[in-house]
Amino acid sequence: MLYMYGDATLNEGLKTYFAKYSFKNTELKDFVNELAIAAKKTGVVSNEKEMIDWSATWLQSAGAAEIQLLVNDKVCRPNNNGKIESFKVQ
């Protein structure tokens, strides 16, 4: 999350979350909402829903995220050793 949204968003979200919910019981949605407000305030997202959607995908779904390397719109597959020997980014 820090990589995607940055220090300023995380710091602002944590600051407002702890100020608002100090000594209270909370749920994940409370924390995510404060981060979403901070992300909008710091200009990382255009609206809070982007962060809320991210949290549903990232935090509330099973399995690891998957990426694919495409070369000329075709999936680049590893060799027999399970490695991609080379690729070029332009």
Protein backbone atom coordinates (compact mmCIF):
# COMPACT_ATOMS: atom_id res chain seq x y z
CA MET A 1 0.00 0.00 0.00
CA LEU A 2 2.80 2.38 0.82
CA TYR A 3 4.24 1.81 -2.66
CA MET A 4 0.91 2.47 -4.40
CA TYR A 5 -0.34 5.42 -2.36
CA GLY A 6 2.78 6.94 -0.80
CA ASP A 7 3.97 8.21 2.58
CA ALA A 8 1.79 11.31 2.67
CA THR A 9 -1.43 9.35 2.16
CA LEU A 10 -0.53 6.69 4.70
CA ASN A 11 0.59 9.25 7.30
CA GLU A 12 -2.53 11.39 6.83
CA GLY A 13 -4.81 8.35 6.94
CA LEU A 14 -3.21 6.99 10.11
CA LYS A 15 -3.29 10.41 11.79
CA THR A 16 -6.99 10.94 11.12
CA TYR A 17 -7.86 7.30 11.88
CA PHE A 18 -6.23 7.36 15.32
CA ALA A 19 -7.62 10.81 16.12
CA LYS A 20 -11.15 9.78 15.21
CA TYR A 21 -11.19 6.24 16.62
CA SER A 22 -8.88 6.47 19.62
CA PHE A 23 -10.06 4.04 22.32
CA LYS A 24 -12.95 2.81 20.15
CA ASN A 25 -13.76 -0.47 18.46
CA THR A 26 -13.48 -0.31 14.69
CA GLU A 27 -13.81 -2.41 11.58
CA LEU A 28 -11.66 -2.60 8.48
CA LYS A 29 -14.07 -0.31 6.63
CA ASP A 30 -13.38 2.48 9.16
CA PHE A 31 -9.63 2.29 8.51
CA VAL A 32 -10.06 2.05 4.74
CA ASN A 33 -12.44 5.01 4.74
CA GLU A 34 -9.89 7.22 6.52
CA LEU A 35 -7.21 6.11 4.05
CA ALA A 36 -9.58 6.84 1.16
CA ILE A 37 -10.25 10.37 2.44
CA ALA A 38 -6.49 10.89 2.87
CA ALA A 39 -5.79 9.59 -0.65
CA LYS A 40 -8.24 12.08 -2.09
CA LYS A 41 -6.85 14.90 0.07
CA THR A 42 -3.28 14.17 -1.05
CA GLY A 43 -4.36 13.93 -4.68
CA VAL A 44 -3.51 10.26 -5.15
CA VAL A 45 -7.07 9.34 -6.17
CA SER A 46 -9.83 11.46 -7.65
CA ASN A 47 -12.50 10.04 -5.35
CA GLU A 48 -12.66 7.87 -2.25
CA LYS A 49 -14.36 5.01 -4.11
CA GLU A 50 -11.09 4.20 -5.91
CA MET A 51 -9.40 3.36 -2.59
CA ILE A 52 -12.44 1.49 -1.29
CA ASP A 53 -12.54 -0.61 -4.50
CA TRP A 54 -8.81 -1.27 -4.16
CA SER A 55 -9.28 -2.49 -0.60
CA ALA A 56 -12.03 -4.90 -1.62
CA THR A 57 -9.79 -6.37 -4.32
CA TRP A 58 -6.54 -6.36 -2.39
CA LEU A 59 -7.55 -7.02 1.21
CA GLN A 60 -10.77 -8.97 0.98
CA SER A 61 -10.11 -11.43 -1.82
CA ALA A 62 -8.18 -14.67 -1.65
CA GLY A 63 -5.02 -15.47 -3.54
CA ALA A 64 -1.99 -13.60 -4.70
CA ALA A 65 -2.11 -10.90 -7.33
CA GLU A 66 -0.99 -12.08 -10.73
CA ILE A 67 0.73 -10.20 -13.49
CA GLN A 68 1.49 -11.15 -17.07
CA LEU A 69 4.31 -10.00 -19.28
CA LEU A 70 2.98 -9.24 -22.75
CA VAL A 71 5.22 -8.90 -25.77
CA ASN A 72 3.47 -7.64 -28.90
CA ASP A 73 0.13 -8.40 -27.20
CA LYS A 74 1.12 -12.04 -26.61
CA VAL A 75 1.81 -13.61 -23.25
CA CYS A 76 5.54 -14.12 -22.74
CA ARG A 77 6.13 -17.58 -21.30
CA PRO A 78 9.14 -18.79 -19.29
CA ASN A 79 11.63 -21.31 -20.68
CA ASN A 80 11.95 -24.89 -19.42
CA ASN A 81 13.84 -23.67 -16.36
CA GLY A 82 10.92 -21.43 -15.39
CA LYS A 83 12.75 -18.23 -16.26
CA ILE A 84 12.16 -15.48 -18.76
CA GLU A 85 15.61 -15.11 -20.31
CA SER A 86 15.20 -11.54 -21.54
CA PHE A 87 12.75 -8.80 -22.43
CA LYS A 88 13.04 -5.19 -23.37
CA VAL A 89 11.04 -2.23 -22.07
CA GLN A 90 10.89 0.83 -24.29
